[in-house]
Protein backbone atom coordinates (compact mmCIF):
# COMPACT_ATOMS: atom_id res chain seq x y z
CA MET A 1 -10.11 84.19 0.77
CA VAL A 2 -7.10 83.55 3.00
CA THR A 3 -9.19 81.50 5.43
CA GLU A 4 -10.49 79.41 2.54
CA ASP A 5 -6.98 78.86 1.21
CA LEU A 6 -5.69 77.60 4.55
CA ALA A 7 -8.83 75.52 5.00
CA ARG A 8 -7.92 73.80 1.76
CA LEU A 9 -4.74 72.60 3.45
CA ALA A 10 -6.74 71.25 6.38
CA GLY A 11 -8.94 69.38 3.89
CA GLU A 12 -6.04 67.53 2.28
CA ARG A 13 -6.15 63.75 2.81
CA VAL A 14 -3.40 62.03 4.78
CA ASP A 15 -1.76 59.18 2.89
CA HIS A 16 1.58 57.63 1.90
CA ARG A 17 2.94 60.97 0.64
CA PHE A 18 3.58 62.20 4.16
CA LYS A 19 6.31 60.32 6.03
CA GLY A 20 6.22 59.81 9.76
CA LEU A 21 2.46 60.15 10.12
CA PRO A 22 0.39 57.35 11.68
CA PRO A 23 -0.42 54.66 9.08
CA ASP A 24 -3.92 54.29 10.54
CA ALA A 25 -4.61 57.96 9.75
CA ASP A 26 -4.75 57.27 6.00
CA GLY A 27 -7.93 58.74 4.56
CA LEU A 28 -8.42 61.31 7.31
CA THR A 29 -8.09 64.95 6.41
CA VAL A 30 -5.25 66.89 7.98
CA GLY A 31 -7.85 68.82 9.97
CA GLU A 32 -9.48 65.64 11.24
CA LEU A 33 -6.12 64.22 12.28
CA ALA A 34 -5.19 67.47 14.05
CA ALA A 35 -8.50 67.43 15.91
CA GLN A 36 -7.61 64.02 17.37
CA ARG A 37 -4.66 65.65 19.18
CA ARG A 38 -2.64 62.47 19.03
CA ASN A 39 0.54 62.14 21.04
CA LEU A 40 3.77 62.09 19.04
CA PHE A 41 5.11 59.17 21.10
CA THR A 42 2.00 57.05 21.69
CA GLY A 43 -0.31 58.05 18.85
CA GLY A 44 1.00 55.77 16.14
CA PHE A 45 3.58 58.05 14.54
CA ALA A 46 6.31 56.12 12.72
CA THR A 47 10.00 56.98 12.91
CA PRO A 48 11.71 58.90 11.55
CA VAL A 49 9.47 61.86 12.26
CA LEU A 50 10.33 65.56 12.44
CA ALA A 51 8.45 67.65 15.00
CA LEU A 52 8.20 71.41 15.41
CA SER A 53 7.73 72.73 18.93
CA ALA A 54 4.50 74.72 19.26
CA GLU A 55 5.76 76.67 22.27
CA ARG A 56 9.13 77.52 20.78
CA LEU A 57 7.63 78.53 17.45
CA GLU A 58 5.33 80.93 19.28
CA HIS A 59 8.24 82.31 21.30
CA ASN A 60 10.35 82.95 18.20
CA LEU A 61 7.52 84.61 16.28
CA ALA A 62 6.81 86.93 19.21
CA LEU A 63 10.46 87.76 19.82
CA MET A 64 11.18 88.90 16.27
CA GLU A 65 7.94 90.87 16.10
CA THR A 66 9.03 92.73 19.23
CA TYR A 67 12.60 93.17 18.00
CA ALA A 68 11.57 94.68 14.67
CA ALA A 69 9.10 97.05 16.31
CA ARG A 70 11.60 98.13 18.96
CA HIS A 71 14.14 99.10 16.28
CA GLY A 72 11.74 100.75 13.86
CA LEU A 73 12.22 98.07 11.22
CA THR A 74 9.64 96.82 8.78
CA PHE A 75 9.80 93.02 8.60
CA ALA A 76 9.53 90.85 5.49
CA PRO A 77 10.83 87.46 6.71
CA HIS A 78 12.42 85.24 4.10
CA GLY A 79 9.84 82.60 3.20
CA LYS A 80 12.28 80.32 1.39
CA THR A 81 13.25 79.03 4.84
CA THR A 82 9.90 77.34 5.46
CA MET A 83 7.83 77.56 2.27
CA ALA A 84 4.88 77.08 4.63
CA PRO A 85 1.84 79.29 3.94
CA GLN A 86 0.50 78.66 7.45
CA LEU A 87 3.68 80.18 8.86
CA PHE A 88 3.56 83.03 6.33
CA ARG A 89 0.11 83.94 7.65
CA GLN A 90 1.30 83.77 11.26
CA GLN A 91 4.23 86.05 10.42
CA ILE A 92 1.92 88.56 8.77
CA ALA A 93 -0.48 88.37 11.69
CA ARG A 94 2.55 89.27 13.81
CA GLY A 95 2.99 92.51 11.89
CA ALA A 96 5.17 91.46 8.95
CA TRP A 97 4.89 93.79 5.95
CA GLY A 98 4.99 90.82 3.59
CA ILE A 99 7.16 87.83 2.72
CA THR A 100 10.60 87.74 1.08
CA LEU A 101 11.11 85.04 -1.54
CA ALA A 102 13.88 84.02 -3.94
CA VAL A 103 12.46 82.45 -7.12
CA PRO A 104 9.22 82.62 -9.16
CA HIS A 105 7.88 79.26 -7.97
CA GLN A 106 7.94 80.55 -4.41
CA VAL A 107 5.99 83.64 -5.47
CA ARG A 108 3.37 81.39 -7.06
CA VAL A 109 2.98 79.53 -3.77
CA ALA A 110 2.63 82.79 -1.86
CA ARG A 111 0.04 84.13 -4.28
CA ALA A 112 -1.94 80.87 -4.12
CA PHE A 113 -2.36 81.57 -0.41
CA GLY A 114 -3.26 85.24 -0.64
CA ILE A 115 0.07 86.93 0.15
CA GLN A 116 -0.26 90.53 -1.02
CA ARG A 117 3.30 91.84 -0.58
CA VAL A 118 6.41 90.06 -1.82
CA PHE A 119 10.04 91.14 -1.80
CA LEU A 120 11.89 89.01 -4.36
CA ALA A 121 15.54 89.01 -3.28
CA ASN A 122 16.87 88.14 -6.70
CA GLU A 123 17.10 89.60 -10.18
CA LEU A 124 14.32 88.11 -12.29
CA VAL A 125 15.01 87.79 -16.03
CA ASP A 126 12.89 84.77 -17.00
CA PRO A 127 10.31 86.10 -19.49
CA ALA A 128 7.59 83.58 -18.64
CA ALA A 129 7.86 84.36 -14.93
CA LEU A 130 7.93 88.10 -15.59
CA ARG A 131 4.81 87.92 -17.71
CA TRP A 132 3.01 85.91 -15.01
CA ILE A 133 3.99 88.43 -12.32
CA SER A 134 2.90 91.29 -14.56
CA ALA A 135 -0.48 89.64 -15.06
CA GLU A 136 -0.83 89.23 -11.29
CA LEU A 137 -0.03 92.92 -10.77
CA ASP A 138 -2.47 94.01 -13.45
CA ALA A 139 -5.25 91.79 -12.10
CA ASP A 140 -4.87 92.77 -8.44
CA PRO A 141 -4.27 96.43 -7.55
CA GLU A 142 -3.53 95.43 -3.94
CA PHE A 143 -0.65 93.11 -4.90
CA ARG A 144 2.86 94.55 -4.64
CA LEU A 145 6.12 92.89 -5.65
CA VAL A 146 9.59 94.42 -5.38
CA CYS A 147 12.61 92.67 -6.91
CA TYR A 148 16.32 93.20 -7.44
CA VAL A 149 18.09 94.54 -10.50
CA ASP A 150 21.85 94.13 -10.69
CA SER A 151 22.83 94.74 -14.33
CA VAL A 152 21.96 96.83 -17.35
CA ARG A 153 21.52 93.63 -19.31
CA GLY A 154 19.05 92.39 -16.73
CA VAL A 155 17.06 95.61 -17.02
CA GLU A 156 16.94 95.18 -20.79
CA LEU A 157 15.64 91.62 -20.50
CA MET A 158 13.02 92.61 -17.94
CA ASP A 159 11.88 95.52 -20.06
CA ALA A 160 11.50 93.32 -23.13
CA ALA A 161 9.42 90.75 -21.26
CA LEU A 162 7.16 93.35 -19.64
CA GLN A 163 6.11 95.26 -22.75
CA GLY A 164 2.39 95.96 -22.60
CA ALA A 165 2.15 95.77 -18.82
CA ALA A 166 -0.36 98.13 -17.26
CA ARG A 167 1.65 98.56 -14.05
CA PRO A 168 5.42 98.98 -13.81
CA LEU A 169 7.36 96.47 -11.73
CA ASP A 170 9.02 97.96 -8.65
CA VAL A 171 12.76 97.28 -8.47
CA VAL A 172 15.66 98.01 -6.13
CA VAL A 173 19.31 98.14 -7.18
CA GLU A 174 21.22 95.37 -5.44
CA LEU A 175 24.59 96.48 -4.06
CA ALA A 176 27.06 93.60 -3.89
CA ALA A 177 28.54 92.83 -0.48
CA GLY A 178 32.06 93.13 -1.84
CA GLU A 179 34.52 91.68 -4.33
CA GLY A 180 34.08 87.95 -4.61
CA ALA A 181 30.65 88.09 -2.95
CA ARG A 182 27.53 86.68 -4.53
CA THR A 183 25.21 88.73 -6.76
CA GLY A 184 24.85 92.50 -6.94
CA VAL A 185 26.46 95.52 -8.52
CA ARG A 186 30.11 95.93 -7.48
CA THR A 187 30.60 99.71 -7.58
CA GLU A 188 28.51 102.80 -6.97
CA ALA A 189 29.19 104.01 -10.51
CA GLU A 190 27.78 100.77 -11.90
CA CYS A 191 24.79 101.13 -9.55
CA ALA A 192 24.10 104.51 -11.11
CA ALA A 193 24.29 102.99 -14.60
CA VAL A 194 21.74 100.33 -13.64
CA ALA A 195 19.49 103.01 -12.14
CA ASP A 196 19.76 105.04 -15.36
CA ALA A 197 18.76 101.96 -17.35
CA VAL A 198 15.68 101.52 -15.16
CA ALA A 199 14.77 105.19 -15.63
CA GLY A 200 14.91 104.65 -19.39
CA THR A 201 12.05 102.13 -19.29
CA ARG A 202 8.32 102.44 -18.81
CA THR A 203 7.99 98.91 -17.43
CA LEU A 204 10.16 99.30 -14.31
CA ARG A 205 10.11 101.74 -11.41
CA LEU A 206 13.14 102.29 -9.17
CA VAL A 207 11.97 102.34 -5.53
CA GLY A 208 15.16 101.84 -3.53
CA VAL A 209 18.33 99.88 -2.85
CA ALA A 210 19.04 96.56 -1.19
CA GLY A 211 21.62 93.87 -0.54
CA TYR A 212 22.64 91.01 1.71
CA GLU A 213 25.24 91.67 4.36
CA GLY A 214 25.65 87.96 5.03
CA GLU A 215 27.87 87.80 1.93
CA VAL A 216 30.40 90.38 3.18
CA PRO A 217 33.82 88.71 2.76
CA GLN A 218 35.47 87.81 6.09
CA ALA A 219 32.43 89.24 7.84
CA ASP A 220 32.92 90.78 11.26
CA PRO A 221 31.01 93.63 12.97
CA ASP A 222 33.25 96.36 11.52
CA ARG A 223 33.11 95.06 7.94
CA VAL A 224 29.36 94.44 8.07
CA HIS A 225 28.62 97.88 9.53
CA ALA A 226 30.86 99.48 6.89
CA TRP A 227 29.05 97.73 4.04
CA LEU A 228 25.62 98.64 5.44
CA ARG A 229 26.73 102.27 5.58
CA ARG A 230 27.69 102.00 1.89
CA LEU A 231 24.17 100.79 1.18
CA VAL A 232 22.63 103.69 3.08
CA ALA A 233 24.97 106.17 1.37
CA LEU A 234 23.88 104.78 -2.00
CA ALA A 235 20.25 105.45 -1.12
CA VAL A 236 21.13 108.99 -0.01
CA ASP A 237 23.08 109.69 -3.21
CA PHE A 238 20.27 108.32 -5.40
CA ASP A 239 17.78 110.51 -3.55
CA LYS A 240 19.93 113.63 -3.94
CA ALA A 241 20.13 112.88 -7.66
CA GLY A 242 16.33 112.83 -7.88
CA ARG A 243 16.12 109.14 -8.72
CA PHE A 244 13.28 108.59 -6.23
CA ALA A 245 11.19 111.60 -7.27
CA GLY A 246 7.46 111.02 -6.92
CA LEU A 247 7.67 107.99 -4.63
CA ASP A 248 5.47 107.60 -1.55
CA GLU A 249 8.27 105.66 0.17
CA ILE A 250 11.88 104.65 -0.47
CA VAL A 251 12.90 101.05 0.18
CA VAL A 252 16.22 100.29 1.89
CA SER A 253 16.53 96.58 2.60
CA ALA A 254 19.04 94.13 4.08
CA GLY A 255 19.16 91.55 6.79
CA GLY A 256 19.83 87.85 7.01
CA SER A 257 19.72 85.86 10.23
CA ALA A 258 23.32 86.44 11.34
CA TRP A 259 23.64 90.25 11.34
CA PHE A 260 20.22 91.80 11.90
CA ASP A 261 21.62 93.66 14.91
CA ALA A 262 24.03 95.47 12.58
CA VAL A 263 21.15 96.27 10.25
CA ALA A 264 19.22 97.75 13.18
CA ASP A 265 22.27 99.85 14.17
CA VAL A 266 22.93 101.29 10.72
CA PHE A 267 19.34 101.69 9.58
CA ALA A 268 18.75 103.80 12.70
CA GLU A 269 21.24 106.26 11.16
CA ILE A 270 19.35 106.71 7.86
CA PRO A 271 18.82 110.46 7.43
CA GLU A 272 15.59 112.07 6.33
CA LEU A 273 15.07 111.58 2.59
CA SER A 274 12.57 113.00 0.12
CA ALA A 275 10.02 110.35 1.12
CA PRO A 276 9.60 108.10 4.17
CA VAL A 277 12.04 105.17 4.23
CA LEU A 278 10.77 101.61 4.39
CA LYS A 279 13.55 99.95 6.43
CA LEU A 280 12.96 96.39 5.35
CA LEU A 281 14.54 93.53 7.33
CA ARG A 282 14.42 90.07 5.71
CA SER A 283 15.68 87.52 8.29
CA GLY A 284 13.96 84.14 7.96
CA ALA A 285 15.69 81.37 9.92
CA TYR A 286 14.40 82.68 13.26
CA VAL A 287 11.10 80.77 12.90
CA SER A 288 12.58 77.45 13.96
CA HIS A 289 16.11 78.66 14.78
CA ASP A 290 18.43 75.64 15.20
CA ASP A 291 20.85 73.73 17.40
CA GLY A 292 23.95 74.40 15.30
CA HIS A 293 24.77 77.05 12.72
CA TYR A 294 22.35 79.78 13.81
CA ARG A 295 22.68 78.96 17.49
CA LYS A 296 26.33 80.04 17.05
CA LEU A 297 25.68 82.99 14.71
CA THR A 298 22.49 84.56 16.05
CA PRO A 299 22.86 88.27 16.82
CA PHE A 300 21.14 87.65 20.14
CA ASN A 301 24.47 86.21 21.33
CA ARG A 302 25.85 89.75 20.98
CA VAL A 303 22.78 91.47 22.45
CA PRO A 304 21.44 89.00 25.05
CA GLU A 305 19.46 91.76 26.72
CA GLU A 306 17.16 91.70 23.64
CA GLY A 307 16.13 88.08 24.24
CA ALA A 308 17.04 84.68 22.81
CA LEU A 309 15.65 82.49 20.06
CA GLU A 310 14.88 78.86 20.85
CA PRO A 311 15.58 75.85 18.60
CA ALA A 312 12.18 74.45 17.66
CA PHE A 313 12.98 71.34 15.57
CA ARG A 314 13.60 67.85 16.88
CA LEU A 315 14.05 64.82 14.64
CA TRP A 316 12.99 61.54 16.24
CA ALA A 317 14.48 58.27 15.03
CA GLN A 318 14.60 54.76 16.40
CA VAL A 319 17.62 52.61 17.25
CA VAL A 320 17.54 49.74 14.75
CA SER A 321 20.99 48.25 15.30
CA ARG A 322 23.47 48.07 18.19
CA PRO A 323 26.30 45.97 16.74
CA THR A 324 28.96 46.88 19.34
CA ASP A 325 29.33 48.72 22.64
CA GLU A 326 30.80 51.66 20.71
CA GLN A 327 28.36 51.85 17.82
CA ALA A 328 24.64 52.11 17.07
CA PHE A 329 22.42 53.08 14.16
CA VAL A 330 19.09 54.90 13.99
CA ASN A 331 16.67 54.95 11.06
CA ALA A 332 17.06 58.58 9.96
CA GLY A 333 19.64 59.82 7.48
CA LYS A 334 20.28 62.25 4.68
CA ARG A 335 16.71 61.91 3.42
CA ASP A 336 15.40 63.19 6.73
CA ALA A 337 17.97 65.50 8.35
CA ALA A 338 19.78 68.64 7.28
CA TYR A 339 23.50 67.92 6.98
CA ASP A 340 24.87 70.67 4.71
CA LEU A 341 26.31 72.66 7.63
CA ASP A 342 26.44 70.27 10.59
CA LEU A 343 25.44 66.72 11.41
CA PRO A 344 22.45 66.25 13.74
CA PHE A 345 23.04 66.48 17.49
CA ALA A 346 21.95 63.63 19.78
CA GLN A 347 19.90 65.23 22.57
CA VAL A 348 17.53 62.86 24.35
CA VAL A 349 16.65 59.17 24.55
CA ARG A 350 13.11 57.88 25.15
CA ARG A 351 12.37 54.42 26.52
CA ASP A 352 9.08 53.20 28.00
CA GLY A 353 7.73 56.74 28.16
CA ALA A 354 10.70 58.16 30.06
CA GLU A 355 13.05 60.72 28.55
CA ARG A 356 16.67 61.36 29.56
CA PRO A 357 19.72 63.15 28.13
CA ALA A 358 21.59 61.36 25.34
CA THR A 359 24.74 61.13 27.43
CA GLY A 360 27.67 59.51 25.65
CA ILE A 361 25.95 59.47 22.26
CA SER A 362 27.12 61.43 19.19
CA VAL A 363 26.25 61.38 15.50
CA THR A 364 29.34 60.76 13.41
CA ALA A 365 27.97 60.24 9.88
CA LEU A 366 24.80 59.93 7.82
CA SER A 367 23.87 57.41 5.16
CA ASP A 368 20.74 57.86 3.08
CA GLN A 369 18.49 56.25 5.71
CA HIS A 370 20.75 55.76 8.74
CA ALA A 371 22.59 57.92 11.24
CA TRP A 372 25.85 56.46 12.55
CA LEU A 373 26.20 56.82 16.30
CA ARG A 374 29.32 56.62 18.44
CA THR A 375 28.56 55.54 22.00
CA THR A 376 30.74 55.64 25.11
CA GLU A 377 30.52 53.68 28.34
CA GLU A 378 28.06 56.28 29.66
CA ALA A 379 25.55 55.58 26.90
CA ASP A 380 22.53 53.52 27.87
CA LEU A 381 21.08 52.70 24.46
CA GLU A 382 19.10 49.71 23.22
CA VAL A 383 17.47 48.63 19.99
CA GLY A 384 13.97 50.12 19.97
CA ASP A 385 14.85 53.32 21.88
CA TRP A 386 13.81 56.62 20.36
CA LEU A 387 16.59 59.18 19.86
CA GLY A 388 15.69 62.87 19.65
CA MET A 389 18.15 64.92 17.61
CA GLY A 390 18.63 68.63 17.13
CA LEU A 391 19.34 69.97 13.65
CA SER A 392 21.44 72.68 12.05
CA HIS A 393 20.22 75.01 9.24
CA PRO A 394 16.43 75.49 9.15
CA CYS A 395 16.31 75.99 5.38
CA THR A 396 17.44 72.43 4.64
CA SER A 397 15.39 70.96 7.48
CA PHE A 398 11.99 72.20 6.32
CA ASP A 399 12.53 71.11 2.72
CA LYS A 400 12.83 67.40 3.58
CA TRP A 401 9.33 67.20 5.06
CA GLN A 402 6.01 67.98 3.37
CA LEU A 403 3.82 67.76 6.49
CA ILE A 404 5.39 68.50 9.87
CA PRO A 405 3.64 67.77 13.19
CA LEU A 406 3.40 70.83 15.45
CA ALA A 407 3.76 69.34 18.92
CA GLN A 408 3.38 70.71 22.42
CA ALA A 409 5.98 69.95 25.08
CA ASP A 410 4.05 66.89 26.31
CA GLY A 411 3.97 65.46 22.76
CA THR A 412 0.39 66.46 21.91
CA VAL A 413 0.23 67.25 18.18
CA VAL A 414 -2.00 70.28 17.68
CA ASP A 415 -1.49 70.96 13.98
CA TYR A 416 0.47 69.98 10.88
CA ILE A 417 2.59 72.43 8.87
CA ARG A 418 2.44 71.92 5.08
CA THR A 419 5.47 72.90 3.03
CA PHE A 420 5.80 73.56 -0.71
CA PHE A 421 9.35 73.12 -2.05
């Protein structure tokens, strides 16, 4: 079934919907185009075009598989980063327990491509979505979904929507990362009240606790470790109170892309409970990593002996205007590049098949379809040159492109990654 689902992607026709692809490829299937192994720079691709490095993607997938195994963590990478079923399948092939998602649409995408385990890192109170998930659970005994609860009112709404369900929905109480943080229950007493509300239903089953340490106010190692220990203590207290009686496993989950080393530290301290603990890590940005935000925040900066992620995205644009010695413009802008955390970073220039560092070139602003460049005397830049740019924030890089060439270091495109945002 999974093979057939992914084959359906390969059978999709290339046309005007997919920017950057060669115009003369219209009418080919994605699989046929991939089989041609065209070169990104000489194969008719039109700028702007976003490319994902095949070698760096492979490196990042392998590194996080090894990291999770080394630290005894079960991995459910956050799929909202890529929304790419091909990458979901690669992550699962690399030992991932399942995929973390955030909203019902994303679960529908995952289910359409055969994903059997989903951690929904959000409270779900929409009745239509709850009924659809319940129907999926009832129809497929192998499908498992775990989601947050963070209020008694939310439990009541979920219970009302799930009346008549054959299988209860597994839930974890979300502990907030602190006052002023995002979602989640603020105090342990309120957590107990939410757990009691779950116990009073037949439609929900409490299976653990979870949260997101990335929201800890003024986060630093001490504060993040302290909050993670609160989360573990909550699981221990719930277990002592008999709230997990009858479970085959207890879920304790955390982990974004900035503090997974702290999660590994604290989850290693989890004591023996009444059932085995599923220590579920949810980091997602590692797949492509980046040249900005996560390059600065990655935990591997603190533990370099564990390895290093590699930025895998490069956005290629073409110089279309060089009005002065200090200014130039390329044909990629807000429609093409993530800019919510940092502007793109000028990295390399290509001219006549030769590539060199983008010395003296910086991106200073983005319009909808242009990047503004500042150039110094060192910059050798002409109209027609290709500029390769690094990006910051994978989550808002993937979602601007529906079909992304997967290119080897020499520019050979070996596949195309389909996204569903």
